Amino acid sequence: MVVRNISQAKAELSALIEEVQKGNEVILAKAGKPVAKLIAYRGPIRPRTPGSMSGEIWIAPDFDTLPEDIAEAFGMREPLS
């Protein structure tokens, strides 16, 4: 594991990326305290399947209809007197 302060990491980002590609973790610190970790990107675990939740999600028929007070607040309706 490699630990670098942010200011130091800015100057040697390419070298730190190479470390990550070799399988090492890089910890970025601010004032000596760890704040972030660089690790190799492995991509999604499995590809998404569009429509995989079909039939499990229900949307109310009035979903796109705003209540009168909200529509008024957004200027989509004349103020009620």
PDB file of N, CA and C in Angstrom:
ATOM      1  N   MET A   1       0.840  -1.168   0.000  1.00  0.00           N
ATOM      2  CA  MET A   1       0.000   0.000   0.000  1.00  0.00           C
ATOM      3  C   MET A   1       0.893   1.242   0.000  1.00  0.00           C
ATOM      4  N   VAL A   2       0.539   2.180  -0.863  1.00  0.00           N
ATOM      5  CA  VAL A   2       1.285   3.426  -1.002  1.00  0.00           C
ATOM      6  C   VAL A   2       0.434   4.547  -0.405  1.00  0.00           C
ATOM      7  N   VAL A   3       1.038   5.411   0.401  1.00  0.00           N
ATOM      8  CA  VAL A   3       0.325   6.545   0.999  1.00  0.00           C
ATOM      9  C   VAL A   3       0.994   7.835   0.527  1.00  0.00           C
ATOM     10  N   ARG A   4       0.188   8.760   0.009  1.00  0.00           N
ATOM     11  CA  ARG A   4       0.712  10.050  -0.457  1.00  0.00           C
ATOM     12  C   ARG A   4      -0.222  11.165  -0.018  1.00  0.00           C
ATOM     13  N   ASN A   5       0.355  12.314   0.354  1.00  0.00           N
ATOM     14  CA  ASN A   5      -0.446  13.503   0.588  1.00  0.00           C
ATOM     15  C   ASN A   5      -0.942  14.012  -0.759  1.00  0.00           C
ATOM     16  N   ILE A   6      -2.060  14.697  -0.747  1.00  0.00           N
ATOM     17  CA  ILE A   6      -2.688  15.144  -1.994  1.00  0.00           C
ATOM     18  C   ILE A   6      -1.735  15.988  -2.822  1.00  0.00           C
ATOM     19  N   SER A   7      -1.031  16.925  -2.204  1.00  0.00           N
ATOM     20  CA  SER A   7      -0.118  17.784  -2.963  1.00  0.00           C
ATOM     21  C   SER A   7       0.982  16.958  -3.630  1.00  0.00           C
ATOM     22  N   GLN A   8       1.444  15.951  -2.936  1.00  0.00           N
ATOM     23  CA  GLN A   8       2.473  15.068  -3.485  1.00  0.00           C
ATOM     24  C   GLN A   8       1.877  14.212  -4.613  1.00  0.00           C
ATOM     25  N   ALA A   9       0.638  13.753  -4.428  1.00  0.00           N
ATOM     26  CA  ALA A   9      -0.019  12.902  -5.429  1.00  0.00           C
ATOM     27  C   ALA A   9      -0.253  13.647  -6.733  1.00  0.00           C
ATOM     28  N   LYS A  10      -0.540  14.951  -6.653  1.00  0.00           N
ATOM     29  CA  LYS A  10      -0.741  15.748  -7.865  1.00  0.00           C
ATOM     30  C   LYS A  10       0.491  15.685  -8.760  1.00  0.00           C
ATOM     31  N   ALA A  11       1.652  15.764  -8.139  1.00  0.00           N
ATOM     32  CA  ALA A  11       2.899  15.794  -8.891  1.00  0.00           C
ATOM     33  C   ALA A  11       3.271  14.434  -9.481  1.00  0.00           C
ATOM     34  N   GLU A  12       2.800  13.349  -8.878  1.00  0.00           N
ATOM     35  CA  GLU A  12       3.191  12.027  -9.359  1.00  0.00           C
ATOM     36  C   GLU A  12       1.990  11.126  -9.663  1.00  0.00           C
ATOM     37  N   LEU A  13       0.935  11.721 -10.209  1.00  0.00           N
ATOM     38  CA  LEU A  13      -0.284  10.967 -10.505  1.00  0.00           C
ATOM     39  C   LEU A  13      -0.028   9.807 -11.453  1.00  0.00           C
ATOM     40  N   SER A  14       0.739  10.012 -12.500  1.00  0.00           N
ATOM     41  CA  SER A  14       1.019   8.929 -13.456  1.00  0.00           C
ATOM     42  C   SER A  14       1.687   7.745 -12.775  1.00  0.00           C
ATOM     43  N   ALA A  15       2.645   8.010 -11.903  1.00  0.00           N
ATOM     44  CA  ALA A  15       3.326   6.932 -11.187  1.00  0.00           C
ATOM     45  C   ALA A  15       2.368   6.208 -10.247  1.00  0.00           C
ATOM     46  N   LEU A  16       1.453   6.950  -9.628  1.00  0.00           N
ATOM     47  CA  LEU A  16       0.485   6.327  -8.730  1.00  0.00           C
ATOM     48  C   LEU A  16      -0.493   5.446  -9.508  1.00  0.00           C
ATOM     49  N   ILE A  17      -0.880   5.880 -10.685  1.00  0.00           N
ATOM     50  CA  ILE A  17      -1.756   5.064 -11.543  1.00  0.00           C
ATOM     51  C   ILE A  17      -1.040   3.768 -11.919  1.00  0.00           C
ATOM     52  N   GLU A  18       0.232   3.847 -12.202  1.00  0.00           N
ATOM     53  CA  GLU A  18       0.999   2.636 -12.512  1.00  0.00           C
ATOM     54  C   GLU A  18       1.011   1.679 -11.329  1.00  0.00           C
ATOM     55  N   GLU A  19       1.132   2.220 -10.111  1.00  0.00           N
ATOM     56  CA  GLU A  19       1.091   1.380  -8.908  1.00  0.00           C
ATOM     57  C   GLU A  19      -0.247   0.656  -8.801  1.00  0.00           C
ATOM     58  N   VAL A  20      -1.311   1.385  -9.090  1.00  0.00           N
ATOM     59  CA  VAL A  20      -2.645   0.794  -9.039  1.00  0.00           C
ATOM     60  C   VAL A  20      -2.776  -0.311 -10.088  1.00  0.00           C
ATOM     61  N   GLN A  21      -2.243  -0.070 -11.285  1.00  0.00           N
ATOM     62  CA  GLN A  21      -2.307  -1.081 -12.338  1.00  0.00           C
ATOM     63  C   GLN A  21      -1.530  -2.341 -11.967  1.00  0.00           C
ATOM     64  N   LYS A  22      -0.535  -2.198 -11.123  1.00  0.00           N
ATOM     65  CA  LYS A  22       0.244  -3.353 -10.664  1.00  0.00           C
ATOM     66  C   LYS A  22      -0.497  -4.129  -9.576  1.00  0.00           C
ATOM     67  N   GLY A  23      -1.639  -3.584  -9.107  1.00  0.00           N
ATOM     68  CA  GLY A  23      -2.413  -4.263  -8.080  1.00  0.00           C
ATOM     69  C   GLY A  23      -2.278  -3.668  -6.695  1.00  0.00           C
ATOM     70  N   ASN A  24      -1.524  -2.596  -6.553  1.00  0.00           N
ATOM     71  CA  ASN A  24      -1.349  -1.955  -5.251  1.00  0.00           C
ATOM     72  C   ASN A  24      -2.447  -0.928  -5.005  1.00  0.00           C
ATOM     73  N   GLU A  25      -2.782  -0.725  -3.749  1.00  0.00           N
ATOM     74  CA  GLU A  25      -3.711   0.331  -3.374  1.00  0.00           C
ATOM     75  C   GLU A  25      -2.910   1.587  -3.077  1.00  0.00           C
ATOM     76  N   VAL A  26      -3.493   2.732  -3.409  1.00  0.00           N
ATOM     77  CA  VAL A  26      -2.866   4.022  -3.117  1.00  0.00           C
ATOM     78  C   VAL A  26      -3.828   4.802  -2.226  1.00  0.00           C
ATOM     79  N   ILE A  27      -3.353   5.218  -1.086  1.00  0.00           N
ATOM     80  CA  ILE A  27      -4.144   6.011  -0.154  1.00  0.00           C
ATOM     81  C   ILE A  27      -3.740   7.465  -0.300  1.00  0.00           C
ATOM     82  N   LEU A  28      -4.719   8.347  -0.485  1.00  0.00           N
ATOM     83  CA  LEU A  28      -4.459   9.781  -0.555  1.00  0.00           C
ATOM     84  C   LEU A  28      -4.819  10.389   0.792  1.00  0.00           C
ATOM     85  N   ALA A  29      -3.938  11.208   1.306  1.00  0.00           N
ATOM     86  CA  ALA A  29      -4.131  11.799   2.632  1.00  0.00           C
ATOM     87  C   ALA A  29      -4.119  13.320   2.544  1.00  0.00           C
ATOM     88  N   LYS A  30      -4.829  13.931   3.480  1.00  0.00           N
ATOM     89  CA  LYS A  30      -4.829  15.386   3.590  1.00  0.00           C
ATOM     90  C   LYS A  30      -4.411  15.692   5.022  1.00  0.00           C
ATOM     91  N   ALA A  31      -3.344  16.435   5.171  1.00  0.00           N
ATOM     92  CA  ALA A  31      -2.773  16.744   6.490  1.00  0.00           C
ATOM     93  C   ALA A  31      -2.467  15.462   7.257  1.00  0.00           C
ATOM     94  N   GLY A  32      -2.025  14.440   6.531  1.00  0.00           N
ATOM     95  CA  GLY A  32      -1.630  13.185   7.154  1.00  0.00           C
ATOM     96  C   GLY A  32      -2.760  12.225   7.461  1.00  0.00           C
ATOM     97  N   LYS A  33      -4.014  12.630   7.200  1.00  0.00           N
ATOM     98  CA  LYS A  33      -5.162  11.765   7.478  1.00  0.00           C
ATOM     99  C   LYS A  33      -5.715  11.201   6.170  1.00  0.00           C
ATOM    100  N   PRO A  34      -5.894   9.890   6.070  1.00  0.00           N
ATOM    101  CA  PRO A  34      -6.418   9.279   4.844  1.00  0.00           C
ATOM    102  C   PRO A  34      -7.801   9.822   4.488  1.00  0.00           C
ATOM    103  N   VAL A  35      -7.978  10.171   3.202  1.00  0.00           N
ATOM    104  CA  VAL A  35      -9.276  10.683   2.746  1.00  0.00           C
ATOM    105  C   VAL A  35      -9.817   9.928   1.532  1.00  0.00           C
ATOM    106  N   ALA A  36      -8.962   9.236   0.792  1.00  0.00           N
ATOM    107  CA  ALA A  36      -9.422   8.539  -0.411  1.00  0.00           C
ATOM    108  C   ALA A  36      -8.501   7.365  -0.711  1.00  0.00           C
ATOM    109  N   LYS A  37      -9.038   6.416  -1.473  1.00  0.00           N
ATOM    110  CA  LYS A  37      -8.260   5.244  -1.849  1.00  0.00           C
ATOM    111  C   LYS A  37      -8.387   5.043  -3.353  1.00  0.00           C
ATOM    112  N   LEU A  38      -7.254   4.885  -4.030  1.00  0.00           N
ATOM    113  CA  LEU A  38      -7.246   4.570  -5.453  1.00  0.00           C
ATOM    114  C   LEU A  38      -7.079   3.066  -5.594  1.00  0.00           C
ATOM    115  N   ILE A  39      -8.006   2.453  -6.326  1.00  0.00           N
ATOM    116  CA  ILE A  39      -7.914   1.021  -6.600  1.00  0.00           C
ATOM    117  C   ILE A  39      -8.189   0.804  -8.072  1.00  0.00           C
ATOM    118  N   ALA A  40      -7.808  -0.340  -8.584  1.00  0.00           N
ATOM    119  CA  ALA A  40      -8.022  -0.638  -9.996  1.00  0.00           C
ATOM    120  C   ALA A  40      -9.510  -0.773 -10.296  1.00  0.00           C
ATOM    121  N   TYR A  41      -9.924  -0.271 -11.443  1.00  0.00           N
ATOM    122  CA  TYR A  41     -11.314  -0.378 -11.886  1.00  0.00           C
ATOM    123  C   TYR A  41     -11.511  -1.733 -12.537  1.00  0.00           C
ATOM    124  N   ARG A  42     -12.478  -2.461 -12.074  1.00  0.00           N
ATOM    125  CA  ARG A  42     -12.746  -3.801 -12.596  1.00  0.00           C
ATOM    126  C   ARG A  42     -14.000  -3.859 -13.459  1.00  0.00           C
ATOM    127  N   GLY A  43     -14.727  -2.764 -13.550  1.00  0.00           N
ATOM    128  CA  GLY A  43     -15.954  -2.739 -14.335  1.00  0.00           C
ATOM    129  C   GLY A  43     -17.116  -3.308 -13.542  1.00  0.00           C
ATOM    130  N   PRO A  44     -18.298  -3.284 -14.133  1.00  0.00           N
ATOM    131  CA  PRO A  44     -19.459  -3.805 -13.423  1.00  0.00           C
ATOM    132  C   PRO A  44     -19.323  -5.310 -13.194  1.00  0.00           C
ATOM    133  N   ILE A  45     -19.890  -5.791 -12.092  1.00  0.00           N
ATOM    134  CA  ILE A  45     -19.813  -7.208 -11.764  1.00  0.00           C
ATOM    135  C   ILE A  45     -20.512  -8.045 -12.823  1.00  0.00           C
ATOM    136  N   ARG A  46     -21.685  -7.590 -13.240  1.00  0.00           N
ATOM    137  CA  ARG A  46     -22.394  -8.273 -14.326  1.00  0.00           C
ATOM    138  C   ARG A  46     -23.135  -7.213 -15.119  1.00  0.00           C
ATOM    139  N   PRO A  47     -23.362  -7.466 -16.377  1.00  0.00           N
ATOM    140  CA  PRO A  47     -24.050  -6.457 -17.188  1.00  0.00           C
ATOM    141  C   PRO A  47     -25.496  -6.256 -16.716  1.00  0.00           C
ATOM    142  N   ARG A  48     -25.976  -5.041 -16.870  1.00  0.00           N
ATOM    143  CA  ARG A  48     -27.356  -4.735 -16.533  1.00  0.00           C
ATOM    144  C   ARG A  48     -28.299  -5.452 -17.478  1.00  0.00           C
ATOM    145  N   THR A  49     -29.451  -5.823 -16.977  1.00  0.00           N
ATOM    146  CA  THR A  49     -30.484  -6.416 -17.807  1.00  0.00           C
ATOM    147  C   THR A  49     -31.672  -5.464 -17.808  1.00  0.00           C
ATOM    148  N   PRO A  50     -31.829  -4.693 -18.884  1.00  0.00           N
ATOM    149  CA  PRO A  50     -32.943  -3.744 -18.928  1.00  0.00           C
ATOM    150  C   PRO A  50     -34.274  -4.479 -18.771  1.00  0.00           C
ATOM    151  N   GLY A  51     -35.137  -3.899 -17.957  1.00  0.00           N
ATOM    152  CA  GLY A  51     -36.460  -4.483 -17.740  1.00  0.00           C
ATOM    153  C   GLY A  51     -36.483  -5.618 -16.743  1.00  0.00           C
ATOM    154  N   SER A  52     -35.396  -5.836 -16.022  1.00  0.00           N
ATOM    155  CA  SER A  52     -35.338  -6.968 -15.097  1.00  0.00           C
ATOM    156  C   SER A  52     -36.308  -6.822 -13.917  1.00  0.00           C
ATOM    157  N   MET A  53     -36.808  -5.614 -13.654  1.00  0.00           N
ATOM    158  CA  MET A  53     -37.768  -5.424 -12.566  1.00  0.00           C
ATOM    159  C   MET A  53     -39.189  -5.215 -13.087  1.00  0.00           C
ATOM    160  N   SER A  54     -39.413  -5.596 -14.317  1.00  0.00           N
ATOM    161  CA  SER A  54     -40.740  -5.464 -14.915  1.00  0.00           C
ATOM    162  C   SER A  54     -41.769  -6.191 -14.058  1.00  0.00           C
ATOM    163  N   GLY A  55     -42.871  -5.501 -13.772  1.00  0.00           N
ATOM    164  CA  GLY A  55     -43.918  -6.088 -12.950  1.00  0.00           C
ATOM    165  C   GLY A  55     -43.703  -5.919 -11.459  1.00  0.00           C
ATOM    166  N   GLU A  56     -42.535  -5.437 -11.035  1.00  0.00           N
ATOM    167  CA  GLU A  56     -42.245  -5.269  -9.617  1.00  0.00           C
ATOM    168  C   GLU A  56     -42.371  -3.815  -9.161  1.00  0.00           C
ATOM    169  N   ILE A  57     -42.460  -2.903 -10.119  1.00  0.00           N
ATOM    170  CA  ILE A  57     -42.556  -1.481  -9.793  1.00  0.00           C
ATOM    171  C   ILE A  57     -43.887  -0.958 -10.317  1.00  0.00           C
ATOM    172  N   TRP A  58     -44.582  -0.219  -9.470  1.00  0.00           N
ATOM    173  CA  TRP A  58     -45.870   0.338  -9.847  1.00  0.00           C
ATOM    174  C   TRP A  58     -45.811   1.848  -9.711  1.00  0.00           C
ATOM    175  N   ILE A  59     -46.332   2.551 -10.697  1.00  0.00           N
ATOM    176  CA  ILE A  59     -46.374   4.009 -10.652  1.00  0.00           C
ATOM    177  C   ILE A  59     -47.834   4.428 -10.668  1.00  0.00           C
ATOM    178  N   ALA A  60     -48.211   5.251  -9.714  1.00  0.00           N
ATOM    179  CA  ALA A  60     -49.599   5.705  -9.598  1.00  0.00           C
ATOM    180  C   ALA A  60     -50.031   6.449 -10.854  1.00  0.00           C
ATOM    181  N   PRO A  61     -51.302   6.316 -11.259  1.00  0.00           N
ATOM    182  CA  PRO A  61     -51.785   7.004 -12.461  1.00  0.00           C
ATOM    183  C   PRO A  61     -51.648   8.520 -12.379  1.00  0.00           C
ATOM    184  N   ASP A  62     -51.713   9.091 -11.165  1.00  0.00           N
ATOM    185  CA  ASP A  62     -51.606  10.542 -11.018  1.00  0.00           C
ATOM    186  C   ASP A  62     -50.184  10.992 -10.686  1.00  0.00           C
ATOM    187  N   PHE A  63     -49.191  10.183 -10.991  1.00  0.00           N
ATOM    188  CA  PHE A  63     -47.797  10.482 -10.669  1.00  0.00           C
ATOM    189  C   PHE A  63     -47.362  11.845 -11.194  1.00  0.00           C
ATOM    190  N   ASP A  64     -47.757  12.198 -12.416  1.00  0.00           N
ATOM    191  CA  ASP A  64     -47.318  13.451 -13.032  1.00  0.00           C
ATOM    192  C   ASP A  64     -48.194  14.643 -12.687  1.00  0.00           C
ATOM    193  N   THR A  65     -49.209  14.454 -11.870  1.00  0.00           N
ATOM    194  CA  THR A  65     -50.112  15.532 -11.494  1.00  0.00           C
ATOM    195  C   THR A  65     -49.656  16.126 -10.164  1.00  0.00           C
ATOM    196  N   LEU A  66     -49.378  17.422 -10.188  1.00  0.00           N
ATOM    197  CA  LEU A  66     -48.941  18.097  -8.960  1.00  0.00           C
ATOM    198  C   LEU A  66     -50.144  18.551  -8.145  1.00  0.00           C
ATOM    199  N   PRO A  67     -50.051  18.486  -6.838  1.00  0.00           N
ATOM    200  CA  PRO A  67     -51.090  19.092  -5.998  1.00  0.00           C
ATOM    201  C   PRO A  67     -51.136  20.594  -6.282  1.00  0.00           C
ATOM    202  N   GLU A  68     -52.303  21.204  -6.100  1.00  0.00           N
ATOM    203  CA  GLU A  68     -52.487  22.616  -6.460  1.00  0.00           C
ATOM    204  C   GLU A  68     -51.496  23.541  -5.762  1.00  0.00           C
ATOM    205  N   ASP A  69     -51.218  23.308  -4.481  1.00  0.00           N
ATOM    206  CA  ASP A  69     -50.310  24.214  -3.763  1.00  0.00           C
ATOM    207  C   ASP A  69     -48.876  24.107  -4.288  1.00  0.00           C
ATOM    208  N   ILE A  70     -48.455  22.916  -4.687  1.00  0.00           N
ATOM    209  CA  ILE A  70     -47.107  22.739  -5.241  1.00  0.00           C
ATOM    210  C   ILE A  70     -47.032  23.361  -6.633  1.00  0.00           C
ATOM    211  N   ALA A  71     -48.042  23.146  -7.441  1.00  0.00           N
ATOM    212  CA  ALA A  71     -48.076  23.743  -8.790  1.00  0.00           C
ATOM    213  C   ALA A  71     -48.030  25.260  -8.689  1.00  0.00           C
ATOM    214  N   GLU A  72     -48.733  25.804  -7.716  1.00  0.00           N
ATOM    215  CA  GLU A  72     -48.720  27.255  -7.510  1.00  0.00           C
ATOM    216  C   GLU A  72     -47.328  27.723  -7.093  1.00  0.00           C
ATOM    217  N   ALA A  73     -46.665  26.984  -6.211  1.00  0.00           N
ATOM    218  CA  ALA A  73     -45.332  27.356  -5.746  1.00  0.00           C
ATOM    219  C   ALA A  73     -44.325  27.364  -6.882  1.00  0.00           C
ATOM    220  N   PHE A  74     -44.517  26.505  -7.881  1.00  0.00           N
ATOM    221  CA  PHE A  74     -43.607  26.451  -9.024  1.00  0.00           C
ATOM    222  C   PHE A  74     -44.048  27.345 -10.171  1.00  0.00           C
ATOM    223  N   GLY A  75     -45.125  28.131  -9.966  1.00  0.00           N
ATOM    224  CA  GLY A  75     -45.575  29.055 -10.984  1.00  0.00           C
ATOM    225  C   GLY A  75     -46.265  28.372 -12.157  1.00  0.00           C
ATOM    226  N   MET A  76     -46.769  27.177 -11.935  1.00  0.00           N
ATOM    227  CA  MET A  76     -47.439  26.428 -13.002  1.00  0.00           C
ATOM    228  C   MET A  76     -48.949  26.612 -12.942  1.00  0.00           C
ATOM    229  N   ARG A  77     -49.405  27.375 -11.975  1.00  0.00           N
ATOM    230  CA  ARG A  77     -50.831  27.609 -11.782  1.00  0.00           C
ATOM    231  C   ARG A  77     -50.989  28.997 -11.175  1.00  0.00           C
ATOM    232  N   GLU A  78     -52.103  29.627 -11.477  1.00  0.00           N
ATOM    233  CA  GLU A  78     -52.379  30.947 -10.920  1.00  0.00           C
ATOM    234  C   GLU A  78     -52.570  30.823  -9.407  1.00  0.00           C
ATOM    235  N   PRO A  79     -52.085  31.781  -8.647  1.00  0.00           N
ATOM    236  CA  PRO A  79     -52.252  31.729  -7.188  1.00  0.00           C
ATOM    237  C   PRO A  79     -53.724  31.684  -6.814  1.00  0.00           C
ATOM    238  N   LEU A  80     -54.030  30.874  -5.812  1.00  0.00           N
ATOM    239  CA  LEU A  80     -55.403  30.810  -5.305  1.00  0.00           C
ATOM    240  C   LEU A  80     -55.642  32.012  -4.402  1.00  0.00           C
ATOM    241  N   SER A  81     -56.763  32.668  -4.584  1.00  0.00           N
ATOM    242  CA  SER A  81     -57.031  33.871  -3.778  1.00  0.00           C
ATOM    243  C   SER A  81     -57.782  33.532  -2.528  1.00  0.00           C
TER     244      SER A  81
END
